[in-house]
C-alpha cells in the first residue's frame, strides 16, 4: 500500500508525511497540512482521522496507553507576550471507546467502536525561561514513554522534564540529560529501556527510567547495561529500536552513502549522488547467571532505497 501527501508535485510546495505507531499497532500518518489517516495492518483498511489542531514539522511521537502524543523536536511557547495563542507544538490523538447501536441483532444491543480527537497540550516549562533559545538549546534530544501515564523528554541545555498524561502537567525531572539519543524503547520482559548511547550512537545501552517520573532526581537514570557496540554505520541520520516481543529487538540504522564523482574506467561515465540505506539487525536480550543482562546480536541485513527515496521511519 502506498501513501502520498496532499499537494501537487512540481509546484514548489514542501510535501511530506509522518508515520507513527499506536500501541495497538495501527499506523497514524499525518501530512504537512495536518490531515491524518489511520491504517490497520491486520485488516488492511484505511480511515480518515480528524485534522490536527495545527500542522507539525520535525516531529517525534510516543504511544502512551491508547493515545498517541506528537510533538515538534524544537518546542516554543504556545502563547506570545500578549497572551495570544500561537500554534501548539504538542498534541495528543486521544482514543476513546464509543458504544453505538449494533445493526446486527445477533451481535448484542451495543457495538463497540472507537473514535479519536486531537487535544493541544502545553509545551515543556523551559520555553518560558528568560532568554529561551529553541534552536539548539531547547531541542529535544532524548525521550521515552514511562508506563501508561508519563513521558520523559530531554533538551540540549535545559535539562529533563516529565509530563503526566492524566493531568497534562509538566515537572522538572532533573538538570541532567537522558543518557540516550532519540527514543528509548521499553522492554517489559526485563522492565528496562533500550536506546543508543548519547556518547556513541553506535552503542546500544539499557537504563532503568522508572524512578525518574516519581520525583526530581539529582543524577541521570541508572545504567543497567553499559552497552553493546557494533551498530555504527556511515553518516547515520535516523536510528530506531523496535521491540518485537519476547525480549527481541530490531535495530534499524538509516544512513546515506556519498557517491562522489568517480570515473568508470570501463565506460568513462561519471557517477554521483547519494544512496540511501537501512541496516537492520536482530538483537536478543537474555538474563544469565546472577540475573546478569546479556545483549546478543544476530543477523544483519542492508536494504537499499536508491538515490531518490529517503526513509525516515521504521515501525
Protein backbone atom coordinates (compact mmCIF):
# COMPACT_ATOMS: atom_id res chain seq x y z
CA UNK A 1 0.00 0.00 0.00
CA UNK A 2 1.32 3.45 -0.94
CA UNK A 3 0.61 6.73 0.88
CA UNK A 4 1.26 10.15 -0.64
CA UNK A 5 0.96 13.62 0.95
CA UNK A 6 -1.63 16.08 -0.28
CA UNK A 7 -0.47 18.69 -2.78
CA UNK A 8 0.71 18.88 -6.35
CA UNK A 9 4.30 17.82 -7.15
CA UNK A 10 6.39 20.34 -9.04
CA UNK A 11 4.64 23.41 -7.63
CA UNK A 12 7.36 24.21 -5.10
CA UNK A 13 5.19 23.17 -2.13
CA UNK A 14 7.07 21.18 0.50
CA UNK A 15 5.21 17.89 0.92
CA UNK A 16 5.88 15.16 3.46
CA UNK A 17 4.21 12.56 5.66
CA UNK A 18 4.96 11.30 9.16
CA UNK A 19 4.16 7.71 10.12
CA UNK A 20 3.57 6.82 13.78
CA UNK A 21 2.57 3.59 15.50
CA UNK A 22 -0.02 3.30 18.26
CA UNK A 23 0.18 0.63 20.96
CA UNK A 24 -2.49 -1.39 19.13
CA UNK A 25 -0.08 -1.49 16.12
CA UNK A 26 -2.32 0.69 13.97
CA UNK A 27 -0.44 3.31 11.97
CA UNK A 28 -1.25 7.01 12.14
CA UNK A 29 0.05 9.20 9.35
CA UNK A 30 -0.16 12.98 9.01
CA UNK A 31 0.96 15.24 6.18
CA UNK A 32 2.28 18.80 6.06
CA UNK A 33 -1.25 20.22 6.29
CA UNK A 34 -2.13 18.27 9.44
CA UNK A 35 -4.50 15.89 7.65
CA UNK A 36 -4.42 12.45 9.25
CA UNK A 37 -5.44 8.90 8.43
CA UNK A 38 -5.36 5.60 10.31
CA UNK A 39 -4.12 2.38 8.72
CA UNK A 40 -4.93 -1.03 10.21
CA UNK A 41 -2.27 -3.55 9.04
CA UNK A 42 -4.42 -6.50 10.19
CA UNK A 43 -7.50 -5.69 8.12
CA UNK A 44 -5.62 -3.59 5.51
CA UNK A 45 -8.15 -0.81 5.88
CA UNK A 46 -7.75 2.97 5.94
CA UNK A 47 -10.00 5.50 7.67
CA UNK A 48 -9.88 9.26 7.94
CA UNK A 49 -8.94 10.88 11.25
CA UNK A 50 -9.66 14.44 12.39
CA UNK A 51 -7.17 17.04 11.17
CA UNK A 52 -4.59 18.20 13.70
CA UNK A 53 -5.30 21.46 15.52
CA UNK A 54 -2.16 22.88 13.91
CA UNK A 55 0.24 21.19 11.46
CA UNK A 56 3.56 20.00 12.87
CA UNK A 57 7.04 19.68 11.40
CA UNK A 58 10.15 17.78 12.53
CA UNK A 59 8.01 15.63 14.79
CA UNK A 60 8.59 12.92 17.35
CA UNK A 61 5.86 10.64 18.62
CA UNK A 62 5.15 8.36 21.58
CA UNK A 63 2.32 5.93 22.23
CA UNK A 64 1.09 6.07 25.82
CA UNK A 65 -1.74 3.72 26.68
CA UNK A 66 -4.40 4.05 23.98
CA UNK A 67 -3.26 7.53 22.93
CA UNK A 68 -0.58 8.92 20.64
CA UNK A 69 1.46 12.03 21.54
CA UNK A 70 3.05 14.11 18.79
CA UNK A 71 5.43 16.99 19.45
CA UNK A 72 7.85 19.07 17.49
CA UNK A 73 11.52 18.49 18.29
CA UNK A 74 12.00 22.23 18.92
CA UNK A 75 9.33 23.40 21.40
CA UNK A 76 8.17 27.02 21.54
CA UNK A 77 5.74 28.91 23.83
CA UNK A 78 2.08 28.34 22.96
CA UNK A 79 1.29 32.00 23.69
CA UNK A 80 3.03 35.22 22.75
CA UNK A 81 3.95 38.07 25.11
CA UNK A 82 0.42 39.49 24.98
CA UNK A 83 -1.17 36.16 25.90
CA UNK A 84 -2.42 35.49 22.39
CA UNK A 85 -2.47 31.79 21.46
CA UNK A 86 0.09 30.58 18.96
CA UNK A 87 0.32 27.24 17.15
CA UNK A 88 0.56 24.29 19.53
CA UNK A 89 3.76 22.28 19.36
CA UNK A 90 2.33 19.26 21.20
CA UNK A 91 -0.90 17.41 20.51
CA UNK A 92 -2.34 14.09 21.63
CA UNK A 93 -4.52 11.88 19.49
CA UNK A 94 -6.95 10.74 22.16
CA UNK A 95 -8.57 7.39 21.55
CA UNK A 96 -11.99 6.95 23.13
CA UNK A 97 -14.21 3.91 23.01
CA UNK A 98 -17.77 4.55 21.95
CA UNK A 99 -20.88 2.41 22.13
CA UNK A 100 -23.49 2.64 19.43
CA UNK A 101 -26.48 0.52 18.42
CA UNK A 102 -25.48 -2.71 16.73
CA UNK A 103 -27.19 -3.22 13.34
CA UNK A 104 -26.62 -6.97 13.71
CA UNK A 105 -29.41 -8.28 16.01
CA UNK A 106 -27.37 -11.40 16.81
CA UNK A 107 -24.36 -9.39 17.99
CA UNK A 108 -25.88 -7.79 21.07
CA UNK A 109 -27.57 -4.47 21.63
CA UNK A 110 -24.40 -2.38 21.55
CA UNK A 111 -21.50 -2.38 19.14
CA UNK A 112 -18.08 -1.32 20.41
CA UNK A 113 -16.30 1.19 18.20
CA UNK A 114 -13.60 3.78 18.52
CA UNK A 115 -13.30 7.49 17.94
CA UNK A 116 -10.37 9.89 18.09
CA UNK A 117 -9.77 13.59 18.52
CA UNK A 118 -6.69 15.83 18.75
CA UNK A 119 -6.05 17.66 22.01
CA UNK A 120 -3.47 20.52 22.12
CA UNK A 121 -1.16 20.35 25.15
CA UNK A 122 1.18 22.80 26.90
CA UNK A 123 4.88 22.84 25.95
CA UNK A 124 7.59 21.98 28.50
CA UNK A 125 8.26 24.76 31.07
CA UNK A 126 11.70 25.56 29.69
CA UNK A 127 10.08 27.54 26.84
CA UNK A 128 9.18 30.23 29.39
CA UNK A 129 12.75 30.63 30.66
CA UNK A 130 14.32 34.06 30.29
CA UNK A 131 16.28 34.25 27.06
CA UNK A 132 14.96 30.87 25.92
CA UNK A 133 16.64 29.61 22.77
CA UNK A 134 14.67 26.90 20.99
CA UNK A 135 17.03 26.07 18.16
CA UNK A 136 19.89 24.03 19.57
CA UNK A 137 19.49 24.69 23.31
CA UNK A 138 15.80 23.80 23.59
CA UNK A 139 15.85 21.00 21.05
CA UNK A 140 14.62 17.63 22.32
CA UNK A 141 17.46 15.11 22.14
CA UNK A 142 16.07 12.13 24.08
CA UNK A 143 12.59 10.93 25.01
CA UNK A 144 10.67 7.90 26.27
CA UNK A 145 7.26 6.76 27.46
CA UNK A 146 7.25 5.56 31.08
CA UNK A 147 4.32 3.35 31.98
CA UNK A 148 0.88 4.31 30.74
CA UNK A 149 0.97 7.75 32.30
CA UNK A 150 4.23 9.67 31.74
CA UNK A 151 6.54 10.99 29.05
CA UNK A 152 10.17 11.98 29.61
CA UNK A 153 11.88 14.50 27.33
CA UNK A 154 15.42 15.85 27.48
CA UNK A 155 16.54 19.14 25.98
CA UNK A 156 20.04 20.02 24.87
CA UNK A 157 20.58 22.71 27.53
CA UNK A 158 17.52 22.95 29.82
CA UNK A 159 17.52 19.54 31.49
CA UNK A 160 14.88 16.82 31.51
CA UNK A 161 11.12 17.12 32.08
CA UNK A 162 8.36 14.67 32.94
CA UNK A 163 4.85 15.01 31.52
CA UNK A 164 1.87 13.48 33.32
CA UNK A 165 -0.62 12.48 30.62
CA UNK A 166 -3.53 12.27 33.09
CA UNK A 167 -3.20 15.83 34.41
CA UNK A 168 -1.42 17.34 31.35
CA UNK A 169 1.14 18.80 33.77
CA UNK A 170 4.90 19.11 33.39
CA UNK A 171 7.53 18.99 36.12
CA UNK A 172 11.32 19.12 36.18
CA UNK A 173 12.85 15.63 36.40
CA UNK A 174 16.44 16.84 36.70
CA UNK A 175 19.11 19.18 35.41
CA UNK A 176 20.76 16.32 33.52
CA UNK A 177 20.15 14.94 30.02
CA UNK A 178 18.85 11.46 29.37
CA UNK A 179 21.83 9.21 28.54
CA UNK A 180 20.45 8.14 25.15
CA UNK A 181 19.71 9.77 21.80
CA UNK A 182 16.23 9.80 20.32
CA UNK A 183 13.59 7.44 21.63
CA UNK A 184 14.29 4.70 24.16
CA UNK A 185 12.16 1.57 23.81
CA UNK A 186 10.67 -0.15 26.83
CA UNK A 187 11.12 -3.93 27.02
CA UNK A 188 8.53 -5.24 29.51
CA UNK A 189 10.10 -8.70 29.70
CA UNK A 190 13.04 -7.11 31.57
CA UNK A 191 11.43 -3.91 32.88
CA UNK A 192 14.08 -1.61 31.34
CA UNK A 193 14.53 0.78 28.41
CA UNK A 194 16.91 0.33 25.46
CA UNK A 195 18.36 3.05 23.27
CA UNK A 196 21.50 4.39 21.62
CA UNK A 197 24.10 5.95 23.88
CA UNK A 198 24.34 9.74 23.83
CA UNK A 199 28.13 9.31 23.97
CA UNK A 200 28.34 6.92 21.00
CA UNK A 201 25.27 6.26 18.83
CA UNK A 202 26.87 3.01 17.67
CA UNK A 203 26.37 1.54 21.15
CA UNK A 204 23.06 0.03 22.30
CA UNK A 205 22.57 0.52 26.06
CA UNK A 206 19.93 -0.16 28.72
CA UNK A 207 18.64 2.04 31.55
CA UNK A 208 16.03 2.00 34.31
CA UNK A 209 13.77 5.06 33.93
CA UNK A 210 11.07 4.02 36.39
CA UNK A 211 12.13 6.32 39.24
CA UNK A 212 12.62 9.44 37.10
CA UNK A 213 8.88 10.21 36.93
CA UNK A 214 8.27 9.93 40.69
CA UNK A 215 10.32 12.87 41.95
CA UNK A 216 13.15 15.13 40.83
CA UNK A 217 16.46 13.27 40.67
CA UNK A 218 19.96 14.60 41.24
CA UNK A 219 21.51 12.05 38.91
CA UNK A 220 20.54 10.65 35.50
CA UNK A 221 18.86 7.21 35.24
CA UNK A 222 20.65 4.10 36.46
CA UNK A 223 22.65 2.21 33.84
CA UNK A 224 21.54 -1.44 33.66
CA UNK A 225 23.85 -2.46 30.81
CA UNK A 226 26.91 -0.48 29.75
CA UNK A 227 26.18 -1.22 26.13
CA UNK A 228 26.72 -3.44 23.13
CA UNK A 229 28.71 -1.87 20.30
CA UNK A 230 28.94 -2.67 16.62
CA UNK A 231 25.96 -0.64 15.38
CA UNK A 232 27.96 2.15 13.72
CA UNK A 233 27.10 2.97 10.12
CA UNK A 234 28.39 5.74 7.82
CA UNK A 235 26.57 9.06 8.26
CA UNK A 236 23.57 7.69 10.19
CA UNK A 237 20.73 10.22 10.20
CA UNK A 238 17.99 8.20 11.94
CA UNK A 239 18.22 5.31 14.41
CA UNK A 240 15.39 3.19 15.80
CA UNK A 241 14.99 0.46 18.41
CA UNK A 242 11.86 -1.61 17.78
CA UNK A 243 10.54 -4.05 20.38
CA UNK A 244 9.39 -7.30 18.76
CA UNK A 245 8.28 -9.10 21.93
CA UNK A 246 9.81 -11.97 23.93
CA UNK A 247 12.94 -9.92 24.68
CA UNK A 248 13.76 -9.48 20.98
CA UNK A 249 14.59 -6.18 19.28
CA UNK A 250 15.12 -4.93 15.77
CA UNK A 251 17.83 -2.30 15.46
CA UNK A 252 17.36 -0.03 12.45
CA UNK A 253 20.02 2.44 11.30
CA UNK A 254 19.07 4.67 8.38
CA UNK A 255 22.04 6.19 6.64
CA UNK A 256 23.39 7.72 3.47
CA UNK A 257 26.47 6.89 1.42
CA UNK A 258 28.06 9.74 -0.51
CA UNK A 259 28.86 8.62 -4.05
CA UNK A 260 31.38 11.25 -5.01
CA UNK A 261 32.13 11.91 -8.65
CA UNK A 262 34.00 8.85 -9.90
CA UNK A 263 35.12 7.98 -13.41
CA UNK A 264 34.32 4.50 -14.66
CA UNK A 265 37.38 3.07 -16.39
CA UNK A 266 35.28 0.74 -18.49
CA UNK A 267 32.75 3.18 -19.95
CA UNK A 268 34.07 6.61 -18.95
CA UNK A 269 30.73 7.59 -17.35
CA UNK A 270 30.72 9.94 -14.39
CA UNK A 271 28.54 8.80 -11.46
CA UNK A 272 27.47 10.83 -8.48
CA UNK A 273 24.72 11.35 -5.93
CA UNK A 274 23.87 9.85 -2.57
CA UNK A 275 22.44 6.40 -1.96
CA UNK A 276 20.12 5.72 0.98
CA UNK A 277 20.25 2.53 3.01
CA UNK A 278 18.77 0.89 6.09
CA UNK A 279 20.74 -1.59 8.20
CA UNK A 280 18.52 -3.96 10.17
CA UNK A 281 19.98 -6.07 12.99
CA UNK A 282 18.25 -8.64 15.17
CA UNK A 283 19.04 -8.43 18.89
CA UNK A 284 18.03 -10.70 21.77
CA UNK A 285 18.11 -9.70 25.44
CA UNK A 286 18.50 -12.53 27.95
CA UNK A 287 19.29 -12.96 31.64
CA UNK A 288 22.27 -15.09 32.57
CA UNK A 289 23.80 -16.24 35.83
CA UNK A 290 23.12 -13.98 38.81
CA UNK A 291 20.42 -12.28 36.73
CA UNK A 292 23.10 -10.57 34.60
CA UNK A 293 21.77 -8.97 31.44
CA UNK A 294 23.20 -10.06 28.08
CA UNK A 295 22.62 -8.40 24.70
CA UNK A 296 23.11 -10.88 21.87
CA UNK A 297 23.49 -9.66 18.28
CA UNK A 298 22.09 -11.79 15.49
CA UNK A 299 21.97 -11.42 11.73
CA UNK A 300 22.19 -8.04 9.99
CA UNK A 301 20.94 -7.13 6.53
CA UNK A 302 21.23 -3.97 4.45
CA UNK A 303 18.41 -2.66 2.30
CA UNK A 304 19.00 -0.07 -0.44
CA UNK A 305 16.45 2.66 -1.22
CA UNK A 306 18.48 4.09 -4.11
CA UNK A 307 19.06 7.78 -4.73
CA UNK A 308 15.52 9.14 -4.78
CA UNK A 309 13.78 7.65 -1.72
CA UNK A 310 14.94 8.72 1.75
CA UNK A 311 13.48 6.56 4.55
CA UNK A 312 12.83 8.22 7.91
CA UNK A 313 10.73 5.72 9.89
CA UNK A 314 10.80 2.05 10.78
CA UNK A 315 7.62 0.89 12.53
